[in-house]
Amino acid sequence: MLKYVTPEKGIYIVWLSVALSLCWPLPASSTRKQIVCIKILQIGAIISAFMVLLPLIYAIHLNIHNLINLFKCICLLICVFQNIIQTIICFIKYDVLQRVVEEMMTCVKEEQLYKVLCIYVKKCNIFYGGTIVLTYGAATVFVLGPTFLPISFPWETEYPFQINDTSRNIIYIHQFFFTYQCAAHICLSLFGALLLWFAAARFECLVEELQKITNIDMLIVCFKKLLLLRRYAEEVVSCIRFLVFYAIAVGTFMLTLSGIIMIINSPILVKIQFIIICMSSLMEIYMYAWPADHMQDASINILRSAYNSIWYEQSLDMQKDLLIILMYQRPVILSINVLLPELTLRYYCSYVANAFSVFTALRAVVEDK
């Protein structure tokens, strides 16, 4: 089925995967009442997350001397924080997100762009589609945990008061729904990747136009399009850069905990759980790194295509204008000053290599003791 996915269906599938996160903005045509409602729901989602966060903190307090249970609770705590922080970021960036999504929905059917997007969908659909299936499959297994394991609730929360059957059912229903919300927040990386892929596709279309320029008028039109595309790509980056930074920070912490669990004497089932957590963290970062790297290359190719055009056969004025464009253009990169260098596949590879180096160092420390 995946090979028949069109760009419109791909966007719809991504929307479905993140719908419960409430982070996908409403259309620009939405009424003020609808926008107020979605923001109230986002605030409600944050309150719902705190209803799991506080019992988890209490569980951490109770398991302070049990390393394995402590690490489990900390991992669950980080998942709750991801829900809260990503909702807050999308709440703050709502207007910008709405603008970039609206532009994507408007431009997706342009003929030249549509062809490029079809190529992207064909290249990415199995990976991203498989990620959605695995994420929601894992969420389903997680909520069924109390059925197979000696635990009362999926999130292994503890409460400083007695729980009767009625309150137990209410808590389970809440955690059931909250688990799928967390799955939607994990899939939010697909939403960011979708926007990056779309920006890269628009750069590729402009590359083809630049290669066909024959006069100054065509150059001016292409240059105006380039400015608009750069502005769009920079808005996309501004929306997701802190989501990416949080994913990398959380991934680093999760990998450290997983490394400790791998080298201490712990049950095999626990090690498998932490291996899954480790792989999920690396996969989430990769989902951002792949399109970010491609978008950077596409923005660089704009300059290369201008240089590789037959500019030397054009008028002297056009050659000068083209030289000015080449001098002042820079690639669009996903980065945060000081905190995050440019996110590329090269950076991702170095990140994974450093993670394994940390595992090796932890193992050496434990063996020395």
Protein backbone atom coordinates (compact mmCIF):
# COMPACT_ATOMS: atom_id res chain seq x y z
CA MET A 1 0.00 0.00 0.00
CA LEU A 2 2.82 2.40 0.86
CA LYS A 3 4.11 2.54 -2.71
CA TYR A 4 0.81 4.16 -3.79
CA VAL A 5 1.10 7.00 -1.27
CA THR A 6 0.79 10.42 -2.90
CA PRO A 7 2.13 13.66 -1.38
CA GLU A 8 -1.40 14.59 -0.22
CA LYS A 9 -1.89 11.19 1.40
CA GLY A 10 1.57 11.44 2.98
CA ILE A 11 0.67 14.78 4.57
CA TYR A 12 -2.64 13.34 5.76
CA ILE A 13 -0.92 10.30 7.32
CA VAL A 14 1.54 12.56 9.16
CA TRP A 15 -1.38 14.70 10.35
CA LEU A 16 -3.16 11.60 11.68
CA SER A 17 -0.02 10.44 13.48
CA VAL A 18 0.38 13.75 15.37
CA ALA A 19 -3.29 14.72 15.77
CA LEU A 20 -3.48 13.69 19.44
CA SER A 21 -0.50 15.91 20.26
CA LEU A 22 -2.61 18.98 19.32
CA CYS A 23 0.52 20.51 17.77
CA TRP A 24 -0.65 20.58 14.15
CA PRO A 25 -2.15 24.07 13.66
CA LEU A 26 -5.65 24.71 12.37
CA PRO A 27 -6.13 26.11 8.83
CA ALA A 28 -5.79 29.87 8.41
CA SER A 29 -9.51 30.02 7.62
CA SER A 30 -10.38 28.86 11.15
CA THR A 31 -12.47 31.14 13.31
CA ARG A 32 -11.15 32.84 16.42
CA LYS A 33 -13.38 30.55 18.51
CA GLN A 34 -11.76 27.44 16.99
CA ILE A 35 -8.26 28.78 17.65
CA VAL A 36 -9.16 29.56 21.27
CA CYS A 37 -10.54 26.02 21.64
CA ILE A 38 -7.36 24.38 20.33
CA LYS A 39 -5.22 26.48 22.66
CA ILE A 40 -7.43 25.55 25.62
CA LEU A 41 -7.02 21.90 24.64
CA GLN A 42 -3.23 22.37 24.54
CA ILE A 43 -3.31 23.82 28.06
CA GLY A 44 -5.50 20.89 29.10
CA ALA A 45 -2.94 18.48 27.62
CA ILE A 46 -0.20 20.09 29.72
CA ILE A 47 -2.35 19.72 32.87
CA SER A 48 -3.00 16.09 31.93
CA ALA A 49 0.76 15.52 31.66
CA PHE A 50 1.31 16.97 35.13
CA MET A 51 -1.26 14.48 36.47
CA VAL A 52 1.19 11.74 35.44
CA LEU A 53 4.35 13.72 36.20
CA LEU A 54 3.71 14.22 39.94
CA PRO A 55 2.97 10.52 40.73
CA LEU A 56 6.09 9.59 38.76
CA ILE A 57 8.19 11.94 40.89
CA TYR A 58 6.73 10.22 43.96
CA ALA A 59 7.60 6.82 42.43
CA ILE A 60 11.19 8.02 41.92
CA HIS A 61 11.28 8.99 45.61
CA LEU A 62 10.11 5.50 46.62
CA ASN A 63 12.61 3.74 44.31
CA ILE A 64 15.63 5.88 45.10
CA HIS A 65 17.59 2.82 46.28
CA ASN A 66 16.46 0.48 43.49
CA LEU A 67 18.62 1.43 40.49
CA ILE A 68 16.66 -0.43 37.80
CA ASN A 69 13.24 0.84 38.89
CA LEU A 70 14.71 4.29 39.39
CA PHE A 71 16.02 4.38 35.80
CA LYS A 72 12.67 3.15 34.48
CA CYS A 73 10.83 5.92 36.31
CA ILE A 74 13.33 8.52 35.09
CA CYS A 75 12.83 7.40 31.46
CA LEU A 76 9.06 7.65 31.88
CA LEU A 77 9.50 11.06 33.49
CA ILE A 78 11.45 12.26 30.46
CA CYS A 79 8.66 11.08 28.15
CA VAL A 80 6.19 13.18 30.15
CA PHE A 81 8.52 16.18 29.98
CA GLN A 82 8.73 15.70 26.20
CA ASN A 83 4.95 15.94 26.03
CA ILE A 84 4.91 19.14 28.10
CA ILE A 85 7.85 20.91 26.44
CA GLN A 86 6.82 20.12 22.86
CA THR A 87 3.27 21.31 23.56
CA ILE A 88 4.61 24.58 25.01
CA ILE A 89 6.93 25.14 22.02
CA CYS A 90 4.11 24.54 19.54
CA PHE A 91 1.81 26.76 21.61
CA ILE A 92 4.34 29.62 21.42
CA LYS A 93 5.12 29.02 17.73
CA TYR A 94 1.49 28.49 16.74
CA ASP A 95 1.22 31.45 14.33
CA VAL A 96 4.46 30.63 12.50
CA LEU A 97 3.55 26.94 12.30
CA GLN A 98 0.15 27.83 10.91
CA ARG A 99 1.76 30.02 8.25
CA VAL A 100 4.28 27.42 7.05
CA VAL A 101 1.72 24.60 7.05
CA GLU A 102 -0.79 26.75 5.17
CA GLU A 103 1.83 27.57 2.53
CA MET A 104 2.70 23.88 2.22
CA MET A 105 -0.94 22.93 1.69
CA THR A 106 -1.33 25.69 -0.90
CA CYS A 107 1.81 24.88 -2.92
CA VAL A 108 1.75 21.08 -2.75
CA LYS A 109 -0.24 20.72 -6.00
CA GLU A 110 2.09 22.80 -8.15
CA GLU A 111 3.07 20.56 -11.05
CA GLN A 112 6.85 20.81 -10.87
CA LEU A 113 6.90 20.67 -7.07
CA TYR A 114 4.46 17.75 -7.05
CA LYS A 115 6.84 15.65 -9.17
CA VAL A 116 9.73 16.28 -6.77
CA LEU A 117 7.52 15.48 -3.77
CA CYS A 118 6.46 12.20 -5.38
CA ILE A 119 10.13 11.22 -5.58
CA TYR A 120 10.60 12.12 -1.91
CA VAL A 121 7.52 10.14 -0.87
CA LYS A 122 8.74 7.09 -2.76
CA LYS A 123 12.12 7.38 -1.04
CA CYS A 124 10.83 7.97 2.50
CA ASN A 125 7.44 6.28 2.83
CA ILE A 126 8.65 2.90 4.12
CA PHE A 127 10.94 4.41 6.75
CA TYR A 128 8.51 7.01 8.08
CA GLY A 129 5.45 4.78 7.69
CA GLY A 130 7.22 1.99 9.55
CA THR A 131 8.15 4.44 12.30
CA ILE A 132 4.49 5.39 12.81
CA VAL A 133 3.41 1.74 12.96
CA LEU A 134 6.18 0.81 15.42
CA THR A 135 5.49 3.85 17.61
CA TYR A 136 1.78 3.18 17.99
CA GLY A 137 2.39 -0.56 18.24
CA ALA A 138 4.78 0.03 21.13
CA ALA A 139 2.21 2.34 22.76
CA THR A 140 -0.41 -0.41 22.52
CA VAL A 141 1.91 -2.95 24.14
CA PHE A 142 2.75 -0.39 26.83
CA VAL A 143 -0.87 0.29 27.85
CA LEU A 144 -1.51 -3.46 28.03
CA GLY A 145 1.40 -3.84 30.47
CA PRO A 146 -0.78 -4.29 33.61
CA THR A 147 -2.46 -7.27 31.89
CA PHE A 148 0.82 -9.22 31.63
CA LEU A 149 3.07 -7.68 34.30
CA PRO A 150 2.66 -7.33 38.09
CA ILE A 151 1.99 -3.58 37.91
CA SER A 152 -1.15 -1.57 38.62
CA PHE A 153 -0.76 1.10 35.94
CA PRO A 154 1.08 1.34 32.60
CA TRP A 155 3.20 4.28 33.83
CA GLU A 156 4.12 2.52 37.10
CA THR A 157 3.02 5.58 39.06
CA GLU A 158 2.71 5.62 42.84
CA TYR A 159 0.26 7.64 44.92
CA PRO A 160 0.55 8.77 48.57
CA PHE A 161 -3.05 7.72 49.27
CA GLN A 162 -5.18 4.61 49.03
CA ILE A 163 -6.69 3.79 45.64
CA ASN A 164 -10.05 2.04 45.33
CA ASP A 165 -11.45 0.29 42.26
CA THR A 166 -13.22 3.38 40.92
CA SER A 167 -10.15 5.63 41.15
CA ARG A 168 -8.00 2.83 39.72
CA ASN A 169 -10.21 2.65 36.63
CA ILE A 170 -10.17 6.43 36.21
CA ILE A 171 -6.37 6.55 36.49
CA TYR A 172 -5.98 3.68 34.00
CA ILE A 173 -8.28 5.35 31.45
CA HIS A 174 -6.34 8.60 31.81
CA GLN A 175 -2.98 6.86 31.40
CA PHE A 176 -4.36 4.89 28.44
CA PHE A 177 -5.22 8.09 26.59
CA PHE A 178 -2.04 9.86 27.74
CA THR A 179 0.11 7.01 26.36
CA TYR A 180 -1.25 7.57 22.86
CA GLN A 181 -0.70 11.30 23.28
CA CYS A 182 2.96 10.57 24.03
CA ALA A 183 3.10 8.39 20.90
CA ALA A 184 1.77 11.34 18.92
CA HIS A 185 4.49 13.54 20.42
CA ILE A 186 7.14 11.04 19.35
CA CYS A 187 5.68 11.23 15.84
CA LEU A 188 6.03 15.02 16.01
CA SER A 189 9.52 14.47 14.57
CA LEU A 190 7.73 13.33 11.38
CA PHE A 191 5.92 16.66 11.29
CA GLY A 192 9.24 18.53 11.50
CA ALA A 193 10.76 16.22 8.89
CA LEU A 194 7.79 16.82 6.57
CA LEU A 195 8.31 20.60 6.69
CA LEU A 196 12.06 20.19 6.04
CA TRP A 197 11.48 17.85 3.09
CA PHE A 198 8.96 20.29 1.63
CA ALA A 199 11.43 23.19 1.92
CA ALA A 200 14.12 21.07 0.25
CA ALA A 201 11.76 20.15 -2.59
CA ARG A 202 11.04 23.82 -3.30
CA PHE A 203 14.78 24.53 -3.47
CA GLU A 204 15.18 21.69 -5.97
CA CYS A 205 12.47 23.17 -8.19
CA LEU A 206 14.23 26.52 -8.14
CA VAL A 207 17.48 24.85 -9.18
CA GLU A 208 15.81 23.72 -12.41
CA GLU A 209 14.51 27.24 -13.05
CA LEU A 210 17.92 28.83 -12.49
CA GLN A 211 19.52 26.53 -15.03
CA LYS A 212 17.19 27.93 -17.70
CA ILE A 213 17.75 31.67 -17.16
CA THR A 214 18.74 33.60 -20.28
CA ASN A 215 18.16 37.23 -19.32
CA ILE A 216 18.09 39.63 -16.38
CA ASP A 217 14.29 39.55 -16.05
CA MET A 218 14.32 35.80 -15.52
CA LEU A 219 17.19 36.19 -13.06
CA ILE A 220 15.24 38.77 -11.04
CA VAL A 221 12.18 36.49 -10.89
CA CYS A 222 14.32 33.57 -9.70
CA PHE A 223 16.09 35.74 -7.15
CA LYS A 224 12.77 36.91 -5.68
CA LYS A 225 11.66 33.29 -5.43
CA LEU A 226 14.94 32.43 -3.74
CA LEU A 227 14.42 35.12 -1.09
CA LEU A 228 10.89 33.84 -0.41
CA LEU A 229 12.08 30.25 -0.19
CA ARG A 230 14.91 31.13 2.16
CA ARG A 231 12.47 33.02 4.37
CA TYR A 232 10.14 30.00 4.37
CA ALA A 233 12.97 27.56 5.18
CA GLU A 234 14.23 29.80 7.99
CA GLU A 235 10.72 29.95 9.47
CA VAL A 236 10.55 26.16 9.38
CA VAL A 237 13.92 25.97 11.13
CA SER A 238 12.82 28.51 13.76
CA CYS A 239 9.74 26.36 14.51
CA ILE A 240 11.54 23.06 15.04
CA ARG A 241 15.08 23.92 16.14
CA PHE A 242 14.24 23.65 19.87
CA LEU A 243 12.28 20.44 19.27
CA VAL A 244 15.45 19.05 17.69
CA PHE A 245 17.66 20.32 20.51
CA TYR A 246 15.36 18.75 23.11
CA ALA A 247 15.38 15.44 21.19
CA ILE A 248 19.19 15.45 21.14
CA ALA A 249 19.45 16.37 24.84
CA VAL A 250 16.93 13.69 25.84
CA GLY A 251 18.59 11.17 23.53
CA THR A 252 21.97 11.80 25.17
CA PHE A 253 20.52 11.26 28.64
CA MET A 254 18.58 8.15 27.59
CA LEU A 255 21.67 6.66 25.95
CA THR A 256 23.66 7.21 29.13
CA LEU A 257 21.02 5.45 31.27
CA SER A 258 20.79 2.63 28.72
CA GLY A 259 24.57 2.24 28.75
CA ILE A 260 24.58 1.87 32.53
CA ILE A 261 21.79 -0.73 32.40
CA MET A 262 23.67 -2.68 29.72
CA ILE A 263 26.83 -3.05 31.81
CA ILE A 264 25.35 -3.75 35.25
CA ASN A 265 23.78 -7.01 36.36
CA SER A 266 20.15 -6.55 35.31
CA PRO A 267 17.42 -8.89 33.94
CA ILE A 268 17.45 -9.54 30.21
CA LEU A 269 13.90 -8.16 29.85
CA VAL A 270 15.03 -4.85 31.35
CA LYS A 271 18.00 -4.70 28.96
CA ILE A 272 15.70 -5.30 25.99
CA GLN A 273 13.46 -2.46 27.17
CA PHE A 274 16.39 -0.07 27.38
CA ILE A 275 17.75 -1.19 24.00
CA ILE A 276 14.35 -0.26 22.51
CA ILE A 277 14.52 3.12 24.28
CA CYS A 278 18.06 3.64 22.95
CA MET A 279 17.08 2.81 19.37
CA SER A 280 13.98 5.02 19.58
CA SER A 281 16.06 8.01 20.70
CA LEU A 282 18.56 7.54 17.87
CA MET A 283 15.74 7.07 15.35
CA GLU A 284 14.01 10.27 16.45
CA ILE A 285 17.18 12.31 15.91
CA TYR A 286 17.79 10.65 12.55
CA MET A 287 14.28 11.61 11.39
CA TYR A 288 15.32 15.25 11.77
CA ALA A 289 18.92 14.87 10.56
CA TRP A 290 18.11 13.25 7.21
CA PRO A 291 15.81 16.00 5.81
CA ALA A 292 17.86 18.78 7.46
CA ASP A 293 20.97 17.52 5.67
CA HIS A 294 19.06 17.27 2.39
CA MET A 295 17.64 20.79 2.76
CA GLN A 296 21.12 22.17 3.36
CA ASP A 297 22.43 20.44 0.24
CA ALA A 298 19.45 21.69 -1.78
CA SER A 299 20.07 25.28 -0.70
CA ILE A 300 23.74 24.94 -1.64
CA ASN A 301 22.76 23.52 -5.03
CA ILE A 302 20.96 26.78 -5.76
CA LEU A 303 24.31 28.54 -5.85
CA ARG A 304 25.96 25.73 -7.80
CA SER A 305 23.22 25.73 -10.42
CA ALA A 306 23.56 29.48 -10.87
CA TYR A 307 27.31 29.10 -11.33
CA ASN A 308 26.89 26.12 -13.69
CA SER A 309 24.45 27.99 -15.93
CA ILE A 310 25.67 29.57 -19.18
CA TRP A 311 26.29 32.92 -17.47
CA TYR A 312 29.47 33.46 -19.49
CA GLU A 313 27.34 33.81 -22.64
CA GLN A 314 25.12 36.48 -21.09
CA SER A 315 25.51 40.24 -20.93
CA LEU A 316 28.06 41.88 -18.64
CA ASP A 317 25.28 43.37 -16.45
CA MET A 318 23.73 39.95 -15.93
CA GLN A 319 27.11 38.47 -15.05
CA LYS A 320 27.61 41.17 -12.41
CA ASP A 321 24.13 40.63 -10.94
CA LEU A 322 24.72 36.90 -10.77
CA LEU A 323 28.07 37.44 -9.04
CA ILE A 324 26.37 39.63 -6.41
CA ILE A 325 23.80 36.90 -5.75
CA LEU A 326 26.55 34.29 -5.33
CA MET A 327 28.51 36.50 -2.93
CA TYR A 328 25.70 37.07 -0.43
CA GLN A 329 23.97 33.69 -0.33
CA ARG A 330 24.53 31.14 2.43
CA PRO A 331 23.06 27.64 2.81
CA VAL A 332 20.05 27.25 5.10
CA ILE A 333 21.09 25.14 8.10
CA LEU A 334 19.30 23.81 11.16
CA SER A 335 21.32 25.03 14.14
CA ILE A 336 21.17 26.87 17.47
CA ASN A 337 23.92 29.30 18.43
CA VAL A 338 26.30 27.70 20.96
CA LEU A 339 23.87 24.86 21.80
CA LEU A 340 23.66 22.98 18.51
CA PRO A 341 25.97 23.03 15.50
CA GLU A 342 24.48 22.44 12.09
CA LEU A 343 22.37 19.28 12.07
CA THR A 344 23.53 17.04 9.23
CA LEU A 345 24.07 13.33 8.66
CA ARG A 346 27.75 13.92 9.40
CA TYR A 347 26.80 15.37 12.80
CA TYR A 348 24.45 12.42 13.41
CA CYS A 349 27.24 9.93 12.69
CA SER A 350 29.58 11.72 15.10
CA TYR A 351 26.78 11.77 17.69
CA VAL A 352 26.31 7.99 17.43
CA ALA A 353 30.08 7.45 17.56
CA ASN A 354 30.32 9.57 20.71
CA ALA A 355 27.46 7.62 22.27
CA PHE A 356 29.33 4.35 21.79
CA SER A 357 32.45 5.99 23.21
CA VAL A 358 30.49 6.87 26.34
CA PHE A 359 29.29 3.24 26.59
CA THR A 360 32.90 2.05 26.39
CA ALA A 361 34.01 4.52 29.05
CA LEU A 362 31.20 3.51 31.40
CA ARG A 363 32.03 -0.15 30.93
CA ALA A 364 35.70 0.50 31.72
CA VAL A 365 34.75 2.36 34.92
CA VAL A 366 32.46 -0.47 36.08
CA GLU A 367 35.01 -3.20 35.31
CA ASP A 368 37.72 -1.33 37.24
CA LYS A 369 35.49 -1.37 40.30
